[in-house]
């Protein structure tokens, strides 16, 4: 009878230990997933704001300067397309570089208070985006480490968690070197 009680107690302790381990590991995954989702939302908002500012600057630039060729063609094309955040970030950076080029070429642009304000806001958004993207990538690293390391990989398999890609969409687990872009 005593042996049966000892065996039952040992089984209860083992089951309770497994349950505690499961819940702690599951909560680690959930914590990282929540942080990833929060920073994705922040990146979305900042990219949308940057897009709106660049879009607003098109009319202001055209009003202040006589330019022969079309400007910000890629941004205008984006109005009817759906693209991912990484590609949108690339297109917005290209448009901002065009904005800076036009500012240096046409001094009338630099005299506009509204365009100065837009430029300052875009610079602030760029700073926030760099910080957010770094934070996103750090959390993706933490998530993928949990996914691949023992014993948390057992819980990951049980919950069907999948590896997530970094912001630049580079898959570090493949041999494709062509998906790296500068």
C-alpha atoms as a PDB file:
ATOM      1  CA  UNK A   1       0.000   0.000   0.000  1.00  0.00           C
ATOM      2  CA  UNK A   2       2.818   2.435   0.865  1.00  0.00           C
ATOM      3  CA  UNK A   3       4.580   1.680  -2.401  1.00  0.00           C
ATOM      4  CA  UNK A   4       1.405   2.455  -4.344  1.00  0.00           C
ATOM      5  CA  UNK A   5       1.072   5.828  -2.580  1.00  0.00           C
ATOM      6  CA  UNK A   6       4.726   6.643  -3.321  1.00  0.00           C
ATOM      7  CA  UNK A   7       4.313   5.723  -6.994  1.00  0.00           C
ATOM      8  CA  UNK A   8       1.135   7.823  -7.246  1.00  0.00           C
ATOM      9  CA  UNK A   9       2.886  10.783  -5.589  1.00  0.00           C
ATOM     10  CA  UNK A  10       5.840  10.469  -7.948  1.00  0.00           C
ATOM     11  CA  UNK A  11       3.459  10.389 -10.930  1.00  0.00           C
ATOM     12  CA  UNK A  12       1.581  13.428  -9.624  1.00  0.00           C
ATOM     13  CA  UNK A  13       4.864  15.327  -9.143  1.00  0.00           C
ATOM     14  CA  UNK A  14       6.011  14.380 -12.664  1.00  0.00           C
ATOM     15  CA  UNK A  15       2.685  15.408 -14.217  1.00  0.00           C
ATOM     16  CA  UNK A  16       2.625  18.689 -12.249  1.00  0.00           C
ATOM     17  CA  UNK A  17       6.223  19.404 -13.269  1.00  0.00           C
ATOM     18  CA  UNK A  18       5.388  18.780 -16.903  1.00  0.00           C
ATOM     19  CA  UNK A  19       2.311  21.022 -16.680  1.00  0.00           C
ATOM     20  CA  UNK A  20       4.325  23.819 -15.066  1.00  0.00           C
ATOM     21  CA  UNK A  21       7.028  23.450 -17.722  1.00  0.00           C
ATOM     22  CA  UNK A  22       4.388  23.497 -20.476  1.00  0.00           C
ATOM     23  CA  UNK A  23       2.671  26.620 -19.178  1.00  0.00           C
ATOM     24  CA  UNK A  24       5.922  28.492 -18.581  1.00  0.00           C
ATOM     25  CA  UNK A  25       7.239  27.679 -22.051  1.00  0.00           C
ATOM     26  CA  UNK A  26       3.895  28.406 -23.681  1.00  0.00           C
ATOM     27  CA  UNK A  27       3.803  31.782 -21.935  1.00  0.00           C
ATOM     28  CA  UNK A  28       7.346  32.554 -23.152  1.00  0.00           C
ATOM     29  CA  UNK A  29       6.176  31.938 -26.708  1.00  0.00           C
ATOM     30  CA  UNK A  30       3.073  34.067 -26.173  1.00  0.00           C
ATOM     31  CA  UNK A  31       5.133  36.909 -24.702  1.00  0.00           C
ATOM     32  CA  UNK A  32       7.430  36.983 -27.738  1.00  0.00           C
ATOM     33  CA  UNK A  33       4.499  36.650 -30.169  1.00  0.00           C
ATOM     34  CA  UNK A  34       2.725  39.581 -28.500  1.00  0.00           C
ATOM     35  CA  UNK A  35       5.860  41.728 -28.727  1.00  0.00           C
ATOM     36  CA  UNK A  36       6.252  40.808 -32.412  1.00  0.00           C
ATOM     37  CA  UNK A  37       2.622  41.725 -33.133  1.00  0.00           C
ATOM     38  CA  UNK A  38       2.914  45.028 -31.258  1.00  0.00           C
ATOM     39  CA  UNK A  39       6.034  46.103 -33.136  1.00  0.00           C
ATOM     40  CA  UNK A  40       4.516  44.975 -36.467  1.00  0.00           C
ATOM     41  CA  UNK A  41       1.602  47.267 -35.731  1.00  0.00           C
ATOM     42  CA  UNK A  42       3.986  50.127 -34.923  1.00  0.00           C
ATOM     43  CA  UNK A  43       5.914  49.521 -38.151  1.00  0.00           C
ATOM     44  CA  UNK A  44       2.636  49.469 -40.135  1.00  0.00           C
ATOM     45  CA  UNK A  45       1.528  52.757 -38.612  1.00  0.00           C
ATOM     46  CA  UNK A  46       4.864  54.455 -39.240  1.00  0.00           C
ATOM     47  CA  UNK A  47       5.042  53.240 -42.832  1.00  0.00           C
ATOM     48  CA  UNK A  48       1.501  54.461 -43.449  1.00  0.00           C
ATOM     49  CA  UNK A  49       2.365  57.863 -41.955  1.00  0.00           C
ATOM     50  CA  UNK A  50       5.537  58.090 -44.045  1.00  0.00           C
ATOM     51  CA  UNK A  51       3.567  57.188 -47.174  1.00  0.00           C
ATOM     52  CA  UNK A  52       0.968  59.863 -46.385  1.00  0.00           C
ATOM     53  CA  UNK A  53       3.645  62.511 -45.824  1.00  0.00           C
ATOM     54  CA  UNK A  54       5.442  61.707 -49.073  1.00  0.00           C
ATOM     55  CA  UNK A  55       2.113  61.658 -50.885  1.00  0.00           C
ATOM     56  CA  UNK A  56       1.243  65.064 -49.434  1.00  0.00           C
ATOM     57  CA  UNK A  57       4.630  66.441 -50.466  1.00  0.00           C
ATOM     58  CA  UNK A  58       3.982  65.621 -54.142  1.00  0.00           C
ATOM     59  CA  UNK A  59       1.327  68.323 -54.494  1.00  0.00           C
ATOM     60  CA  UNK A  60       3.393  70.800 -52.483  1.00  0.00           C
ATOM     61  CA  UNK A  61       6.488  70.241 -54.610  1.00  0.00           C
ATOM     62  CA  UNK A  62       4.485  70.607 -57.819  1.00  0.00           C
ATOM     63  CA  UNK A  63       2.965  73.821 -56.456  1.00  0.00           C
ATOM     64  CA  UNK A  64       6.364  75.316 -55.541  1.00  0.00           C
ATOM     65  CA  UNK A  65       8.513  74.197 -58.472  1.00  0.00           C
ATOM     66  CA  UNK A  66       8.094  73.796 -62.204  1.00  0.00           C
ATOM     67  CA  UNK A  67       9.374  70.276 -62.926  1.00  0.00           C
ATOM     68  CA  UNK A  68       9.297  68.834 -66.443  1.00  0.00           C
ATOM     69  CA  UNK A  69       9.391  65.144 -65.607  1.00  0.00           C
ATOM     70  CA  UNK A  70       6.982  63.182 -63.408  1.00  0.00           C
ATOM     71  CA  UNK A  71       8.068  62.855 -59.790  1.00  0.00           C
ATOM     72  CA  UNK A  72       7.494  60.073 -57.266  1.00  0.00           C
ATOM     73  CA  UNK A  73       6.208  57.682 -59.930  1.00  0.00           C
ATOM     74  CA  UNK A  74       6.707  54.655 -57.679  1.00  0.00           C
ATOM     75  CA  UNK A  75       4.643  56.210 -54.880  1.00  0.00           C
ATOM     76  CA  UNK A  76       1.839  57.025 -57.297  1.00  0.00           C
ATOM     77  CA  UNK A  77       1.890  53.411 -58.549  1.00  0.00           C
ATOM     78  CA  UNK A  78       1.642  52.165 -54.942  1.00  0.00           C
ATOM     79  CA  UNK A  79      -1.797  53.685 -54.578  1.00  0.00           C
ATOM     80  CA  UNK A  80      -3.300  50.751 -56.461  1.00  0.00           C
ATOM     81  CA  UNK A  81      -0.993  47.940 -55.288  1.00  0.00           C
ATOM     82  CA  UNK A  82      -0.798  45.800 -52.187  1.00  0.00           C
ATOM     83  CA  UNK A  83       2.749  45.037 -51.075  1.00  0.00           C
ATOM     84  CA  UNK A  84       4.443  43.849 -47.919  1.00  0.00           C
ATOM     85  CA  UNK A  85       6.010  46.111 -45.323  1.00  0.00           C
ATOM     86  CA  UNK A  86       9.572  45.399 -46.404  1.00  0.00           C
ATOM     87  CA  UNK A  87       8.889  46.279 -50.038  1.00  0.00           C
ATOM     88  CA  UNK A  88       6.867  49.337 -48.974  1.00  0.00           C
ATOM     89  CA  UNK A  89       9.777  50.455 -46.790  1.00  0.00           C
ATOM     90  CA  UNK A  90      12.152  50.119 -49.766  1.00  0.00           C
ATOM     91  CA  UNK A  91       9.845  52.118 -52.048  1.00  0.00           C
ATOM     92  CA  UNK A  92       9.335  54.825 -49.423  1.00  0.00           C
ATOM     93  CA  UNK A  93      13.081  55.115 -48.867  1.00  0.00           C
ATOM     94  CA  UNK A  94      13.593  55.502 -52.615  1.00  0.00           C
ATOM     95  CA  UNK A  95      10.898  58.191 -52.676  1.00  0.00           C
ATOM     96  CA  UNK A  96      12.470  59.974 -49.716  1.00  0.00           C
ATOM     97  CA  UNK A  97      15.832  59.927 -51.500  1.00  0.00           C
ATOM     98  CA  UNK A  98      14.106  61.488 -54.507  1.00  0.00           C
ATOM     99  CA  UNK A  99      12.586  64.093 -52.179  1.00  0.00           C
ATOM    100  CA  UNK A 100      16.045  64.946 -50.782  1.00  0.00           C
ATOM    101  CA  UNK A 101      17.459  65.130 -54.318  1.00  0.00           C
ATOM    102  CA  UNK A 102      14.691  67.499 -55.430  1.00  0.00           C
ATOM    103  CA  UNK A 103      15.255  69.602 -52.315  1.00  0.00           C
ATOM    104  CA  UNK A 104      18.921  69.985 -53.154  1.00  0.00           C
ATOM    105  CA  UNK A 105      18.246  70.699 -56.829  1.00  0.00           C
ATOM    106  CA  UNK A 106      15.397  73.203 -56.380  1.00  0.00           C
ATOM    107  CA  UNK A 107      15.939  75.743 -53.615  1.00  0.00           C
ATOM    108  CA  UNK A 108      12.263  76.797 -53.720  1.00  0.00           C
ATOM    109  CA  UNK A 109      11.395  73.469 -52.120  1.00  0.00           C
ATOM    110  CA  UNK A 110      13.697  74.185 -49.207  1.00  0.00           C
ATOM    111  CA  UNK A 111      12.010  77.575 -48.671  1.00  0.00           C
ATOM    112  CA  UNK A 112       8.571  76.038 -48.105  1.00  0.00           C
ATOM    113  CA  UNK A 113       7.730  75.814 -44.390  1.00  0.00           C
ATOM    114  CA  UNK A 114       5.233  73.018 -45.016  1.00  0.00           C
ATOM    115  CA  UNK A 115       7.854  70.916 -46.837  1.00  0.00           C
ATOM    116  CA  UNK A 116      10.371  71.587 -44.051  1.00  0.00           C
ATOM    117  CA  UNK A 117       7.815  70.315 -41.558  1.00  0.00           C
ATOM    118  CA  UNK A 118       7.145  67.216 -43.691  1.00  0.00           C
ATOM    119  CA  UNK A 119      10.888  66.562 -43.990  1.00  0.00           C
ATOM    120  CA  UNK A 120      11.306  66.769 -40.200  1.00  0.00           C
ATOM    121  CA  UNK A 121       8.387  64.394 -39.655  1.00  0.00           C
ATOM    122  CA  UNK A 122       9.803  61.900 -42.161  1.00  0.00           C
ATOM    123  CA  UNK A 123      13.204  62.018 -40.428  1.00  0.00           C
ATOM    124  CA  UNK A 124      11.503  61.316 -37.087  1.00  0.00           C
ATOM    125  CA  UNK A 125       9.522  58.443 -38.612  1.00  0.00           C
ATOM    126  CA  UNK A 126      12.714  57.009 -40.152  1.00  0.00           C
ATOM    127  CA  UNK A 127      14.376  57.023 -36.729  1.00  0.00           C
ATOM    128  CA  UNK A 128      11.381  55.275 -35.199  1.00  0.00           C
ATOM    129  CA  UNK A 129      11.307  52.751 -38.042  1.00  0.00           C
ATOM    130  CA  UNK A 130      14.975  51.836 -37.623  1.00  0.00           C
ATOM    131  CA  UNK A 131      14.464  51.268 -33.905  1.00  0.00           C
ATOM    132  CA  UNK A 132      11.248  49.312 -34.472  1.00  0.00           C
ATOM    133  CA  UNK A 133      12.773  47.096 -37.159  1.00  0.00           C
ATOM    134  CA  UNK A 134      15.731  46.295 -34.909  1.00  0.00           C
ATOM    135  CA  UNK A 135      13.351  45.459 -32.047  1.00  0.00           C
ATOM    136  CA  UNK A 136      11.251  43.321 -34.419  1.00  0.00           C
ATOM    137  CA  UNK A 137      14.309  41.392 -35.603  1.00  0.00           C
ATOM    138  CA  UNK A 138      15.492  40.855 -32.001  1.00  0.00           C
ATOM    139  CA  UNK A 139      12.119  39.375 -31.099  1.00  0.00           C
ATOM    140  CA  UNK A 140      12.109  37.207 -34.214  1.00  0.00           C
ATOM    141  CA  UNK A 141      15.521  35.912 -33.136  1.00  0.00           C
ATOM    142  CA  UNK A 142      14.192  35.117 -29.646  1.00  0.00           C
ATOM    143  CA  UNK A 143      11.130  33.409 -31.087  1.00  0.00           C
ATOM    144  CA  UNK A 144      13.168  31.299 -33.509  1.00  0.00           C
ATOM    145  CA  UNK A 145      15.598  30.339 -30.731  1.00  0.00           C
ATOM    146  CA  UNK A 146      12.701  29.122 -28.614  1.00  0.00           C
ATOM    147  CA  UNK A 147      11.408  27.255 -31.629  1.00  0.00           C
ATOM    148  CA  UNK A 148      14.654  25.405 -32.241  1.00  0.00           C
ATOM    149  CA  UNK A 149      16.102  24.771 -28.788  1.00  0.00           C
ATOM    150  CA  UNK A 150      15.333  21.868 -26.540  1.00  0.00           C
ATOM    151  CA  UNK A 151      13.041  21.511 -24.589  1.00  0.00           C
ATOM    152  CA  UNK A 152      10.922  24.425 -25.837  1.00  0.00           C
ATOM    153  CA  UNK A 153      10.918  22.922 -29.346  1.00  0.00           C
ATOM    154  CA  UNK A 154       8.668  20.159 -27.990  1.00  0.00           C
ATOM    155  CA  UNK A 155       6.037  22.717 -27.039  1.00  0.00           C
ATOM    156  CA  UNK A 156       6.565  24.521 -30.364  1.00  0.00           C
ATOM    157  CA  UNK A 157       5.917  21.306 -32.272  1.00  0.00           C
ATOM    158  CA  UNK A 158       2.877  20.536 -30.142  1.00  0.00           C
ATOM    159  CA  UNK A 159       1.453  24.063 -30.721  1.00  0.00           C
ATOM    160  CA  UNK A 160       2.428  23.987 -34.440  1.00  0.00           C
ATOM    161  CA  UNK A 161       4.507  27.172 -34.258  1.00  0.00           C
ATOM    162  CA  UNK A 162       6.400  27.966 -37.460  1.00  0.00           C
ATOM    163  CA  UNK A 163       9.690  29.773 -37.971  1.00  0.00           C
ATOM    164  CA  UNK A 164       9.261  33.489 -38.698  1.00  0.00           C
ATOM    165  CA  UNK A 165      11.337  35.535 -41.133  1.00  0.00           C
ATOM    166  CA  UNK A 166      13.219  38.711 -40.329  1.00  0.00           C
ATOM    167  CA  UNK A 167      11.869  42.075 -41.492  1.00  0.00           C
ATOM    168  CA  UNK A 168      13.869  41.934 -44.722  1.00  0.00           C
ATOM    169  CA  UNK A 169      12.204  38.544 -45.464  1.00  0.00           C
ATOM    170  CA  UNK A 170      15.621  36.868 -45.668  1.00  0.00           C
ATOM    171  CA  UNK A 171      15.334  33.211 -44.835  1.00  0.00           C
ATOM    172  CA  UNK A 172      18.524  32.397 -42.958  1.00  0.00           C
ATOM    173  CA  UNK A 173      17.832  28.651 -42.999  1.00  0.00           C
ATOM    174  CA  UNK A 174      18.057  28.213 -46.765  1.00  0.00           C
ATOM    175  CA  UNK A 175      20.937  28.266 -49.212  1.00  0.00           C
ATOM    176  CA  UNK A 176      19.400  30.949 -51.414  1.00  0.00           C
ATOM    177  CA  UNK A 177      21.769  33.902 -51.394  1.00  0.00           C
ATOM    178  CA  UNK A 178      19.812  35.758 -54.067  1.00  0.00           C
ATOM    179  CA  UNK A 179      17.145  36.922 -51.594  1.00  0.00           C
ATOM    180  CA  UNK A 180      19.602  39.263 -49.925  1.00  0.00           C
ATOM    181  CA  UNK A 181      19.215  42.778 -51.266  1.00  0.00           C
ATOM    182  CA  UNK A 182      21.144  45.937 -50.547  1.00  0.00           C
END
